[in-house]
Amino acid sequence: MDRVILHSDMNSFYASVECLYHPELAGLPVAVGGNPEKRHGIILAKNELAKKSGIKTGETIGEAKGKCPRLVVLLPDYGRYLRFSRLARKIYYEYSDLVEPFGLDEAWIDVTSSVGLHGSGEEIARKISRRIQDELGVTVSIG
């Protein structure tokens, strides 16, 4: 049997988590970035509206605001992101004990031995994706 390994990447992770905690920002371009006063002023993550404005990860907050003056920039809350990352991994481990995390928002999941129990690799990917969206409120790309 061929191995079935899924790659999970939570979309716009930091920005998605922040938008859950700040529902008043719905419909606004949002980014998570460093503190420009401390010379850490780069974009770490952005939501879909900010992406549509041409905002890029790694550019300075000044450059981003030049492209999108309405951009709301929030400071990162790594404790919050770690919590969501752990919750997502808990879901992954329900489908496989072979999970290889990569950063807070990505993981590889070997579901080879789970295929008979939980359906095809594609079905497992859909189940995990749906659960993360429903239970955590974060969208995820799994392939």
C-alpha atoms as a PDB file:
ATOM      1  CA  MET A   1       0.000   0.000   0.000  1.00  0.00           C
ATOM      2  CA  ASP A   2       1.256   3.474  -0.855  1.00  0.00           C
ATOM      3  CA  ARG A   3       1.751   5.865   2.014  1.00  0.00           C
ATOM      4  CA  VAL A   4      -0.876   8.567   2.439  1.00  0.00           C
ATOM      5  CA  ILE A   5       0.613  11.721   3.915  1.00  0.00           C
ATOM      6  CA  LEU A   6      -1.400  14.920   4.240  1.00  0.00           C
ATOM      7  CA  HIS A   7       0.005  18.416   4.555  1.00  0.00           C
ATOM      8  CA  SER A   8      -2.047  20.791   6.693  1.00  0.00           C
ATOM      9  CA  ASP A   9      -1.557  24.556   6.558  1.00  0.00           C
ATOM     10  CA  MET A  10      -3.861  26.836   8.537  1.00  0.00           C
ATOM     11  CA  ASN A  11      -4.595  29.818   6.295  1.00  0.00           C
ATOM     12  CA  SER A  12      -3.500  33.295   7.425  1.00  0.00           C
ATOM     13  CA  PHE A  13      -3.116  31.694  10.828  1.00  0.00           C
ATOM     14  CA  TYR A  14      -2.192  34.596  13.122  1.00  0.00           C
ATOM     15  CA  ALA A  15      -4.619  36.971  11.410  1.00  0.00           C
ATOM     16  CA  SER A  16      -7.406  34.368  11.426  1.00  0.00           C
ATOM     17  CA  VAL A  17      -7.015  33.762  15.140  1.00  0.00           C
ATOM     18  CA  GLU A  18      -6.947  37.496  15.877  1.00  0.00           C
ATOM     19  CA  CYS A  19     -10.127  38.051  13.857  1.00  0.00           C
ATOM     20  CA  LEU A  20     -11.871  35.454  16.040  1.00  0.00           C
ATOM     21  CA  TYR A  21     -11.024  37.578  19.080  1.00  0.00           C
ATOM     22  CA  HIS A  22     -11.893  40.856  17.329  1.00  0.00           C
ATOM     23  CA  PRO A  23     -15.219  40.331  15.516  1.00  0.00           C
ATOM     24  CA  GLU A  24     -15.518  44.116  15.150  1.00  0.00           C
ATOM     25  CA  LEU A  25     -12.802  43.860  12.480  1.00  0.00           C
ATOM     26  CA  ALA A  26     -14.991  41.795  10.136  1.00  0.00           C
ATOM     27  CA  GLY A  27     -14.845  43.260   6.648  1.00  0.00           C
ATOM     28  CA  LEU A  28     -11.569  45.103   7.304  1.00  0.00           C
ATOM     29  CA  PRO A  29      -8.066  44.342   6.047  1.00  0.00           C
ATOM     30  CA  VAL A  30      -6.183  42.958   9.070  1.00  0.00           C
ATOM     31  CA  ALA A  31      -2.538  42.083   9.583  1.00  0.00           C
ATOM     32  CA  VAL A  32      -0.456  40.901  12.485  1.00  0.00           C
ATOM     33  CA  GLY A  33       2.887  42.627  12.722  1.00  0.00           C
ATOM     34  CA  GLY A  34       5.714  43.618  14.942  1.00  0.00           C
ATOM     35  CA  ASN A  35       6.039  46.831  16.857  1.00  0.00           C
ATOM     36  CA  PRO A  36       7.474  49.617  14.666  1.00  0.00           C
ATOM     37  CA  GLU A  37       8.577  51.585  17.761  1.00  0.00           C
ATOM     38  CA  LYS A  38      10.812  48.647  18.717  1.00  0.00           C
ATOM     39  CA  ARG A  39      12.061  48.320  15.122  1.00  0.00           C
ATOM     40  CA  HIS A  40      10.154  45.074  14.606  1.00  0.00           C
ATOM     41  CA  GLY A  41       7.699  46.565  12.157  1.00  0.00           C
ATOM     42  CA  ILE A  42       7.072  43.837   9.588  1.00  0.00           C
ATOM     43  CA  ILE A  43       3.943  41.995   8.513  1.00  0.00           C
ATOM     44  CA  LEU A  44       3.823  38.473   9.962  1.00  0.00           C
ATOM     45  CA  ALA A  45       0.392  37.430   8.641  1.00  0.00           C
ATOM     46  CA  LYS A  46      -2.599  38.998   6.929  1.00  0.00           C
ATOM     47  CA  ASN A  47      -6.207  38.192   6.186  1.00  0.00           C
ATOM     48  CA  GLU A  48      -7.709  37.760   2.730  1.00  0.00           C
ATOM     49  CA  LEU A  49      -8.780  41.412   2.421  1.00  0.00           C
ATOM     50  CA  ALA A  50      -5.242  42.557   3.185  1.00  0.00           C
ATOM     51  CA  LYS A  51      -3.889  40.071   0.618  1.00  0.00           C
ATOM     52  CA  LYS A  52      -6.233  41.520  -2.002  1.00  0.00           C
ATOM     53  CA  SER A  53      -4.706  44.938  -1.261  1.00  0.00           C
ATOM     54  CA  GLY A  54      -1.286  43.572  -2.162  1.00  0.00           C
ATOM     55  CA  ILE A  55       0.037  43.221   1.383  1.00  0.00           C
ATOM     56  CA  LYS A  56       2.952  40.753   1.580  1.00  0.00           C
ATOM     57  CA  THR A  57       4.355  38.855   4.543  1.00  0.00           C
ATOM     58  CA  GLY A  58       7.730  40.309   5.512  1.00  0.00           C
ATOM     59  CA  GLU A  59       7.173  43.827   4.175  1.00  0.00           C
ATOM     60  CA  THR A  60       7.346  46.745   6.565  1.00  0.00           C
ATOM     61  CA  ILE A  61       4.203  48.004   8.193  1.00  0.00           C
ATOM     62  CA  GLY A  62       4.894  51.378   6.577  1.00  0.00           C
ATOM     63  CA  GLU A  63       4.940  49.803   3.106  1.00  0.00           C
ATOM     64  CA  ALA A  64       1.752  47.887   3.876  1.00  0.00           C
ATOM     65  CA  LYS A  65      -0.038  51.002   5.150  1.00  0.00           C
ATOM     66  CA  GLY A  66       1.061  52.795   1.981  1.00  0.00           C
ATOM     67  CA  LYS A  67      -0.753  50.162  -0.081  1.00  0.00           C
ATOM     68  CA  CYS A  68      -3.741  49.959   2.230  1.00  0.00           C
ATOM     69  CA  PRO A  69      -4.300  52.949   4.555  1.00  0.00           C
ATOM     70  CA  ARG A  70      -7.277  51.190   6.220  1.00  0.00           C
ATOM     71  CA  LEU A  71      -5.073  48.261   7.257  1.00  0.00           C
ATOM     72  CA  VAL A  72      -5.543  47.322  10.924  1.00  0.00           C
ATOM     73  CA  VAL A  73      -2.282  46.012  12.378  1.00  0.00           C
ATOM     74  CA  LEU A  74      -2.399  43.991  15.589  1.00  0.00           C
ATOM     75  CA  LEU A  75       0.518  42.914  17.748  1.00  0.00           C
ATOM     76  CA  PRO A  76       1.082  39.150  17.849  1.00  0.00           C
ATOM     77  CA  ASP A  77      -0.178  37.049  20.742  1.00  0.00           C
ATOM     78  CA  TYR A  78       1.965  33.911  20.531  1.00  0.00           C
ATOM     79  CA  GLY A  79       0.302  32.288  23.542  1.00  0.00           C
ATOM     80  CA  ARG A  80      -3.010  32.462  21.715  1.00  0.00           C
ATOM     81  CA  TYR A  81      -1.498  30.977  18.531  1.00  0.00           C
ATOM     82  CA  LEU A  82       0.179  28.195  20.499  1.00  0.00           C
ATOM     83  CA  ARG A  83      -3.188  27.296  22.055  1.00  0.00           C
ATOM     84  CA  PHE A  84      -4.873  27.047  18.636  1.00  0.00           C
ATOM     85  CA  SER A  85      -1.929  25.083  17.268  1.00  0.00           C
ATOM     86  CA  ARG A  86      -2.232  22.564  20.085  1.00  0.00           C
ATOM     87  CA  LEU A  87      -5.983  22.252  19.528  1.00  0.00           C
ATOM     88  CA  ALA A  88      -5.432  21.571  15.826  1.00  0.00           C
ATOM     89  CA  ARG A  89      -2.785  18.946  16.612  1.00  0.00           C
ATOM     90  CA  LYS A  90      -5.214  17.277  18.979  1.00  0.00           C
ATOM     91  CA  ILE A  91      -7.573  16.865  16.011  1.00  0.00           C
ATOM     92  CA  TYR A  92      -4.734  15.527  13.811  1.00  0.00           C
ATOM     93  CA  TYR A  93      -3.869  12.922  16.456  1.00  0.00           C
ATOM     94  CA  GLU A  94      -7.423  11.591  16.306  1.00  0.00           C
ATOM     95  CA  TYR A  95      -6.640  10.432  12.768  1.00  0.00           C
ATOM     96  CA  SER A  96      -2.999   9.405  13.162  1.00  0.00           C
ATOM     97  CA  ASP A  97      -0.257   9.112  15.746  1.00  0.00           C
ATOM     98  CA  LEU A  98       2.246  10.081  13.037  1.00  0.00           C
ATOM     99  CA  VAL A  99       2.085  13.876  13.049  1.00  0.00           C
ATOM    100  CA  GLU A 100       5.094  16.014  12.157  1.00  0.00           C
ATOM    101  CA  PRO A 101       4.494  19.649  13.145  1.00  0.00           C
ATOM    102  CA  PHE A 102       6.176  22.410  11.144  1.00  0.00           C
ATOM    103  CA  GLY A 103       5.844  25.716  12.932  1.00  0.00           C
ATOM    104  CA  LEU A 104       2.602  26.574  14.654  1.00  0.00           C
ATOM    105  CA  ASP A 105       0.314  26.431  11.622  1.00  0.00           C
ATOM    106  CA  GLU A 106       1.548  23.496   9.537  1.00  0.00           C
ATOM    107  CA  ALA A 107       1.927  19.752   9.935  1.00  0.00           C
ATOM    108  CA  TRP A 108       2.380  16.589   7.944  1.00  0.00           C
ATOM    109  CA  ILE A 109       0.034  13.777   8.950  1.00  0.00           C
ATOM    110  CA  ASP A 110       0.690  10.190   7.885  1.00  0.00           C
ATOM    111  CA  VAL A 111      -2.804   8.691   7.655  1.00  0.00           C
ATOM    112  CA  THR A 112      -1.755   5.489   5.868  1.00  0.00           C
ATOM    113  CA  SER A 113      -3.012   3.225   8.653  1.00  0.00           C
ATOM    114  CA  SER A 114      -6.207   5.274   9.059  1.00  0.00           C
ATOM    115  CA  VAL A 115      -7.437   5.002   5.484  1.00  0.00           C
ATOM    116  CA  GLY A 116      -9.591   1.926   6.087  1.00  0.00           C
ATOM    117  CA  LEU A 117     -11.025   3.320   9.306  1.00  0.00           C
ATOM    118  CA  HIS A 118     -11.734   6.936   8.301  1.00  0.00           C
ATOM    119  CA  GLY A 119     -12.101   6.716   4.507  1.00  0.00           C
ATOM    120  CA  SER A 120      -9.732   7.726   1.735  1.00  0.00           C
ATOM    121  CA  GLY A 121      -6.950  10.251   2.180  1.00  0.00           C
ATOM    122  CA  GLU A 122      -9.169  12.846   0.521  1.00  0.00           C
ATOM    123  CA  GLU A 123     -12.040  12.051   2.891  1.00  0.00           C
ATOM    124  CA  ILE A 124      -9.762  12.293   5.907  1.00  0.00           C
ATOM    125  CA  ALA A 125      -8.439  15.635   4.653  1.00  0.00           C
ATOM    126  CA  ARG A 126     -12.012  16.923   4.286  1.00  0.00           C
ATOM    127  CA  LYS A 127     -12.953  15.677   7.769  1.00  0.00           C
ATOM    128  CA  ILE A 128      -9.937  17.321   9.402  1.00  0.00           C
ATOM    129  CA  SER A 129     -10.466  20.547   7.477  1.00  0.00           C
ATOM    130  CA  ARG A 130     -14.155  20.685   8.400  1.00  0.00           C
ATOM    131  CA  ARG A 131     -13.433  19.970  12.074  1.00  0.00           C
ATOM    132  CA  ILE A 132     -10.767  22.666  12.327  1.00  0.00           C
ATOM    133  CA  GLN A 133     -13.141  25.162  10.701  1.00  0.00           C
ATOM    134  CA  ASP A 134     -16.109  24.128  12.883  1.00  0.00           C
ATOM    135  CA  GLU A 135     -14.281  23.651  16.181  1.00  0.00           C
ATOM    136  CA  LEU A 136     -11.556  26.297  15.961  1.00  0.00           C
ATOM    137  CA  GLY A 137     -12.988  28.790  13.467  1.00  0.00           C
ATOM    138  CA  VAL A 138      -9.816  28.735  11.361  1.00  0.00           C
ATOM    139  CA  THR A 139      -9.662  27.668   7.720  1.00  0.00           C
ATOM    140  CA  VAL A 140      -7.080  25.122   6.703  1.00  0.00           C
ATOM    141  CA  SER A 141      -5.718  23.803   3.426  1.00  0.00           C
ATOM    142  CA  ILE A 142      -5.016  20.093   3.469  1.00  0.00           C
ATOM    143  CA  GLY A 143      -3.591  18.213   0.564  1.00  0.00           C
END
